[in-house]
Amino acid sequence: MGDAQGRPATAGEPTTTWGRWAVPAVWAIAAVGSALVVGAAYAGRREWFGEASATAAYAPLGMVLAASVIASMALQLASRQPHGFVGRVSASIAGAVVAVAVGAVALLPLAL
């Protein structure tokens, strides 16, 4: 594969720009999703997926994390850059876990 000017790609050069922006994009997905869940919970939403317990808001946080993991894999596969794949996916997922954990901690006052 080559770049837009027809030059061949070298071993260390990314074939697309997806790899550079995929990690922060996954972090943004996790942060925005967590913020939406926390905001809805503080706005008074008590029922999530048919459950109305105090800890029901944690279920959508799990879905936010799952969506972030799937997005991480999809975006890194779309980058078509095998070198550093595991490191980029790990960084994406680790950042998503931190964002969702912050959301989970923010929900503690409602759950207690």
N, C-alpha and C. Protein backbone atom coordinates (compact mmCIF):
# COMPACT_ATOMS: atom_id res chain seq x y z
N MET A 1 0.84 -1.17 0.00
CA MET A 1 0.00 0.00 0.00
C MET A 1 0.89 1.23 0.00
N GLY A 2 0.43 2.33 -0.43
CA GLY A 2 1.22 3.55 -0.44
C GLY A 2 0.41 4.72 0.07
N ASP A 3 1.00 5.90 -0.02
CA ASP A 3 0.28 7.08 0.43
C ASP A 3 -0.46 7.72 -0.74
N ALA A 4 -1.03 8.90 -0.53
CA ALA A 4 -1.83 9.56 -1.55
C ALA A 4 -1.01 9.99 -2.77
N GLN A 5 0.30 10.20 -2.59
CA GLN A 5 1.14 10.62 -3.69
C GLN A 5 1.72 9.42 -4.45
N GLY A 6 1.37 8.21 -4.06
CA GLY A 6 1.85 7.04 -4.76
C GLY A 6 3.17 6.49 -4.24
N ARG A 7 3.72 7.09 -3.17
CA ARG A 7 4.97 6.58 -2.60
C ARG A 7 4.67 5.33 -1.78
N PRO A 8 5.55 4.36 -1.80
CA PRO A 8 5.31 3.16 -0.98
C PRO A 8 5.49 3.49 0.50
N ALA A 9 4.70 2.84 1.33
CA ALA A 9 4.78 3.05 2.77
C ALA A 9 5.96 2.26 3.32
N THR A 10 6.70 2.87 4.23
CA THR A 10 7.81 2.17 4.87
C THR A 10 7.30 1.41 6.08
N ALA A 11 8.16 0.59 6.68
CA ALA A 11 7.75 -0.28 7.79
C ALA A 11 7.29 0.52 9.00
N GLY A 12 7.90 1.64 9.32
CA GLY A 12 7.53 2.40 10.50
C GLY A 12 6.48 3.46 10.26
N GLU A 13 6.11 3.68 9.01
CA GLU A 13 5.17 4.74 8.66
C GLU A 13 3.74 4.20 8.64
N PRO A 14 2.79 4.87 9.31
CA PRO A 14 1.42 4.38 9.29
C PRO A 14 0.83 4.50 7.89
N THR A 15 0.00 3.52 7.51
CA THR A 15 -0.62 3.55 6.20
C THR A 15 -1.86 4.45 6.19
N THR A 16 -2.44 4.71 7.35
CA THR A 16 -3.56 5.64 7.46
C THR A 16 -3.36 6.49 8.71
N THR A 17 -4.17 7.51 8.86
CA THR A 17 -4.06 8.35 10.04
C THR A 17 -4.99 7.89 11.17
N TRP A 18 -5.72 6.80 10.97
CA TRP A 18 -6.62 6.29 12.00
C TRP A 18 -5.88 5.97 13.29
N GLY A 19 -4.70 5.37 13.17
CA GLY A 19 -3.97 4.93 14.35
C GLY A 19 -3.65 6.07 15.30
N ARG A 20 -3.35 7.23 14.76
CA ARG A 20 -2.98 8.38 15.58
C ARG A 20 -4.17 8.90 16.39
N TRP A 21 -5.35 8.89 15.82
CA TRP A 21 -6.51 9.48 16.48
C TRP A 21 -7.42 8.46 17.14
N ALA A 22 -7.15 7.19 16.96
CA ALA A 22 -8.05 6.16 17.49
C ALA A 22 -8.03 6.10 19.02
N VAL A 23 -6.86 6.23 19.63
CA VAL A 23 -6.78 6.13 21.09
C VAL A 23 -7.57 7.26 21.76
N PRO A 24 -7.34 8.52 21.41
CA PRO A 24 -8.15 9.58 22.04
C PRO A 24 -9.63 9.50 21.67
N ALA A 25 -9.94 8.96 20.51
CA ALA A 25 -11.34 8.82 20.11
C ALA A 25 -12.06 7.84 21.03
N VAL A 26 -11.40 6.75 21.38
CA VAL A 26 -11.99 5.77 22.30
C VAL A 26 -12.14 6.39 23.68
N TRP A 27 -11.16 7.15 24.12
CA TRP A 27 -11.27 7.83 25.42
C TRP A 27 -12.45 8.78 25.41
N ALA A 28 -12.65 9.47 24.30
CA ALA A 28 -13.77 10.41 24.20
C ALA A 28 -15.11 9.67 24.23
N ILE A 29 -15.19 8.53 23.56
CA ILE A 29 -16.42 7.73 23.60
C ILE A 29 -16.74 7.34 25.04
N ALA A 30 -15.73 6.88 25.77
CA ALA A 30 -15.95 6.46 27.16
C ALA A 30 -16.31 7.65 28.04
N ALA A 31 -15.63 8.77 27.86
CA ALA A 31 -15.90 9.94 28.70
C ALA A 31 -17.29 10.51 28.44
N VAL A 32 -17.65 10.64 27.18
CA VAL A 32 -18.97 11.19 26.84
C VAL A 32 -20.08 10.24 27.29
N GLY A 33 -19.89 8.95 27.05
CA GLY A 33 -20.90 7.97 27.48
C GLY A 33 -21.07 7.97 28.98
N SER A 34 -19.97 8.00 29.71
CA SER A 34 -20.05 8.03 31.18
C SER A 34 -20.71 9.31 31.67
N ALA A 35 -20.37 10.43 31.05
CA ALA A 35 -20.98 11.71 31.43
C ALA A 35 -22.48 11.70 31.18
N LEU A 36 -22.91 11.11 30.08
CA LEU A 36 -24.34 11.04 29.79
C LEU A 36 -25.07 10.19 30.82
N VAL A 37 -24.48 9.04 31.18
CA VAL A 37 -25.11 8.17 32.18
C VAL A 37 -25.17 8.87 33.53
N VAL A 38 -24.06 9.46 33.95
CA VAL A 38 -24.03 10.14 35.25
C VAL A 38 -25.00 11.33 35.24
N GLY A 39 -25.00 12.08 34.17
CA GLY A 39 -25.92 13.22 34.07
C GLY A 39 -27.38 12.79 34.14
N ALA A 40 -27.73 11.72 33.45
CA ALA A 40 -29.11 11.23 33.49
C ALA A 40 -29.47 10.72 34.88
N ALA A 41 -28.52 10.07 35.54
CA ALA A 41 -28.79 9.56 36.89
C ALA A 41 -29.01 10.71 37.87
N TYR A 42 -28.21 11.75 37.77
CA TYR A 42 -28.37 12.89 38.67
C TYR A 42 -29.59 13.74 38.30
N ALA A 43 -30.04 13.63 37.06
CA ALA A 43 -31.23 14.37 36.65
C ALA A 43 -32.52 13.69 37.11
N GLY A 44 -32.40 12.51 37.69
CA GLY A 44 -33.58 11.87 38.25
C GLY A 44 -33.96 10.55 37.64
N ARG A 45 -33.25 10.09 36.65
CA ARG A 45 -33.59 8.80 36.06
C ARG A 45 -33.24 7.70 37.05
N ARG A 46 -34.21 6.90 37.41
CA ARG A 46 -33.99 5.84 38.38
C ARG A 46 -34.13 4.45 37.77
N GLU A 47 -34.79 4.33 36.63
CA GLU A 47 -35.00 3.02 36.02
C GLU A 47 -34.07 2.86 34.81
N TRP A 48 -33.31 1.77 34.82
CA TRP A 48 -32.38 1.46 33.73
C TRP A 48 -32.62 0.01 33.34
N PHE A 49 -33.04 -0.22 32.12
CA PHE A 49 -33.25 -1.56 31.59
C PHE A 49 -34.20 -2.38 32.44
N GLY A 50 -35.26 -1.74 32.90
CA GLY A 50 -36.28 -2.42 33.68
C GLY A 50 -35.96 -2.60 35.15
N GLU A 51 -34.84 -2.12 35.60
CA GLU A 51 -34.47 -2.23 37.00
C GLU A 51 -34.47 -0.84 37.62
N ALA A 52 -35.06 -0.74 38.81
CA ALA A 52 -35.17 0.56 39.45
C ALA A 52 -34.44 0.61 40.79
N SER A 53 -33.42 -0.21 40.96
CA SER A 53 -32.68 -0.20 42.22
C SER A 53 -31.72 0.99 42.27
N ALA A 54 -31.11 1.17 43.42
CA ALA A 54 -30.18 2.29 43.60
C ALA A 54 -28.92 2.13 42.76
N THR A 55 -28.58 0.89 42.45
CA THR A 55 -27.35 0.65 41.67
C THR A 55 -27.63 0.35 40.20
N ALA A 56 -28.84 0.61 39.74
CA ALA A 56 -29.20 0.29 38.36
C ALA A 56 -28.41 1.10 37.33
N ALA A 57 -27.91 2.25 37.71
CA ALA A 57 -27.18 3.10 36.76
C ALA A 57 -25.82 2.52 36.40
N TYR A 58 -25.36 1.52 37.12
CA TYR A 58 -24.07 0.90 36.80
C TYR A 58 -24.15 0.00 35.56
N ALA A 59 -25.33 -0.49 35.23
CA ALA A 59 -25.48 -1.33 34.04
C ALA A 59 -25.15 -0.58 32.75
N PRO A 60 -25.67 0.64 32.56
CA PRO A 60 -25.29 1.35 31.34
C PRO A 60 -23.81 1.74 31.31
N LEU A 61 -23.19 1.90 32.49
CA LEU A 61 -21.75 2.16 32.48
C LEU A 61 -20.98 0.96 31.93
N GLY A 62 -21.46 -0.23 32.24
CA GLY A 62 -20.86 -1.43 31.67
C GLY A 62 -21.02 -1.48 30.16
N MET A 63 -22.15 -1.01 29.68
CA MET A 63 -22.37 -0.95 28.23
C MET A 63 -21.48 0.09 27.57
N VAL A 64 -21.23 1.19 28.26
CA VAL A 64 -20.32 2.21 27.75
C VAL A 64 -18.91 1.62 27.61
N LEU A 65 -18.48 0.87 28.62
CA LEU A 65 -17.16 0.24 28.55
C LEU A 65 -17.11 -0.79 27.43
N ALA A 66 -18.16 -1.57 27.27
CA ALA A 66 -18.19 -2.56 26.18
C ALA A 66 -18.13 -1.88 24.81
N ALA A 67 -18.86 -0.80 24.65
CA ALA A 67 -18.82 -0.06 23.38
C ALA A 67 -17.43 0.52 23.13
N SER A 68 -16.76 0.95 24.19
CA SER A 68 -15.41 1.49 24.04
C SER A 68 -14.43 0.41 23.61
N VAL A 69 -14.55 -0.78 24.17
CA VAL A 69 -13.66 -1.88 23.79
C VAL A 69 -13.88 -2.27 22.34
N ILE A 70 -15.14 -2.35 21.93
CA ILE A 70 -15.44 -2.69 20.53
C ILE A 70 -14.93 -1.60 19.60
N ALA A 71 -15.13 -0.34 19.97
CA ALA A 71 -14.63 0.76 19.15
C ALA A 71 -13.11 0.74 19.07
N SER A 72 -12.46 0.40 20.16
CA SER A 72 -10.99 0.32 20.17
C SER A 72 -10.50 -0.71 19.16
N MET A 73 -11.09 -1.87 19.21
CA MET A 73 -10.68 -2.93 18.27
C MET A 73 -10.98 -2.52 16.83
N ALA A 74 -12.16 -1.98 16.59
CA ALA A 74 -12.54 -1.61 15.23
C ALA A 74 -11.65 -0.50 14.67
N LEU A 75 -11.38 0.51 15.46
CA LEU A 75 -10.56 1.62 14.98
C LEU A 75 -9.12 1.19 14.75
N GLN A 76 -8.59 0.35 15.62
CA GLN A 76 -7.21 -0.09 15.42
C GLN A 76 -7.09 -1.05 14.24
N LEU A 77 -8.09 -1.87 14.02
CA LEU A 77 -8.07 -2.72 12.82
C LEU A 77 -8.20 -1.87 11.56
N ALA A 78 -8.98 -0.79 11.65
CA ALA A 78 -9.14 0.10 10.50
C ALA A 78 -7.85 0.86 10.19
N SER A 79 -6.97 0.98 11.18
CA SER A 79 -5.73 1.72 10.94
C SER A 79 -4.79 0.95 10.02
N ARG A 80 -4.96 -0.36 9.94
CA ARG A 80 -4.14 -1.22 9.08
C ARG A 80 -2.65 -1.04 9.37
N GLN A 81 -2.33 -0.84 10.63
CA GLN A 81 -0.95 -0.69 11.07
C GLN A 81 -0.67 -1.76 12.13
N PRO A 82 -0.04 -2.87 11.73
CA PRO A 82 0.15 -3.96 12.69
C PRO A 82 1.17 -3.65 13.78
N HIS A 83 2.17 -2.85 13.48
CA HIS A 83 3.21 -2.54 14.46
C HIS A 83 2.61 -1.71 15.60
N GLY A 84 2.67 -2.23 16.83
CA GLY A 84 2.16 -1.52 17.98
C GLY A 84 0.68 -1.70 18.23
N PHE A 85 0.05 -2.65 17.55
CA PHE A 85 -1.39 -2.87 17.68
C PHE A 85 -1.79 -3.13 19.12
N VAL A 86 -1.11 -4.06 19.77
CA VAL A 86 -1.47 -4.44 21.14
C VAL A 86 -1.30 -3.26 22.09
N GLY A 87 -0.24 -2.50 21.93
CA GLY A 87 -0.01 -1.34 22.78
C GLY A 87 -1.08 -0.28 22.61
N ARG A 88 -1.49 -0.02 21.36
CA ARG A 88 -2.51 0.99 21.11
C ARG A 88 -3.88 0.54 21.64
N VAL A 89 -4.20 -0.73 21.44
CA VAL A 89 -5.47 -1.24 21.96
C VAL A 89 -5.47 -1.21 23.49
N SER A 90 -4.34 -1.59 24.08
CA SER A 90 -4.24 -1.56 25.54
C SER A 90 -4.38 -0.15 26.09
N ALA A 91 -3.75 0.80 25.43
CA ALA A 91 -3.86 2.20 25.87
C ALA A 91 -5.30 2.70 25.73
N SER A 92 -5.95 2.32 24.65
CA SER A 92 -7.34 2.74 24.44
C SER A 92 -8.24 2.19 25.53
N ILE A 93 -8.10 0.90 25.80
CA ILE A 93 -8.97 0.26 26.79
C ILE A 93 -8.65 0.76 28.20
N ALA A 94 -7.38 0.96 28.50
CA ALA A 94 -7.01 1.47 29.83
C ALA A 94 -7.60 2.86 30.07
N GLY A 95 -7.53 3.72 29.08
CA GLY A 95 -8.12 5.04 29.22
C GLY A 95 -9.63 4.99 29.36
N ALA A 96 -10.27 4.06 28.63
CA ALA A 96 -11.72 3.90 28.74
C ALA A 96 -12.11 3.40 30.12
N VAL A 97 -11.31 2.48 30.67
CA VAL A 97 -11.59 1.97 32.01
C VAL A 97 -11.49 3.10 33.04
N VAL A 98 -10.50 3.96 32.88
CA VAL A 98 -10.36 5.09 33.81
C VAL A 98 -11.57 6.02 33.70
N ALA A 99 -12.01 6.31 32.50
CA ALA A 99 -13.16 7.21 32.32
C ALA A 99 -14.43 6.61 32.92
N VAL A 100 -14.64 5.32 32.71
CA VAL A 100 -15.83 4.67 33.26
C VAL A 100 -15.71 4.55 34.79
N ALA A 101 -14.51 4.32 35.29
CA ALA A 101 -14.31 4.25 36.75
C ALA A 101 -14.62 5.60 37.41
N VAL A 102 -14.24 6.68 36.77
CA VAL A 102 -14.58 8.01 37.29
C VAL A 102 -16.10 8.18 37.32
N GLY A 103 -16.77 7.71 36.27
CA GLY A 103 -18.23 7.76 36.26
C GLY A 103 -18.84 6.91 37.36
N ALA A 104 -18.26 5.75 37.61
CA ALA A 104 -18.77 4.87 38.66
C ALA A 104 -18.60 5.51 40.03
N VAL A 105 -17.47 6.15 40.24
CA VAL A 105 -17.25 6.84 41.52
C VAL A 105 -18.22 8.01 41.66
N ALA A 106 -18.50 8.69 40.57
CA ALA A 106 -19.45 9.81 40.62
C ALA A 106 -20.86 9.34 40.96
N LEU A 107 -21.19 8.08 40.65
CA LEU A 107 -22.51 7.55 40.97
C LEU A 107 -22.64 7.04 42.39
N LEU A 108 -21.54 6.94 43.11
CA LEU A 108 -21.58 6.41 44.48
C LEU A 108 -22.57 7.14 45.40
N PRO A 109 -22.63 8.47 45.40
CA PRO A 109 -23.60 9.12 46.29
C PRO A 109 -25.04 8.72 46.02
N LEU A 110 -25.36 8.40 44.79
CA LEU A 110 -26.73 7.98 44.45
C LEU A 110 -26.98 6.54 44.86
N ALA A 111 -25.94 5.72 44.84
CA ALA A 111 -26.09 4.30 45.12
C ALA A 111 -26.11 4.01 46.62
N LEU A 112 -25.58 4.92 47.41
CA LEU A 112 -25.52 4.66 48.86
C LEU A 112 -26.75 5.13 49.60
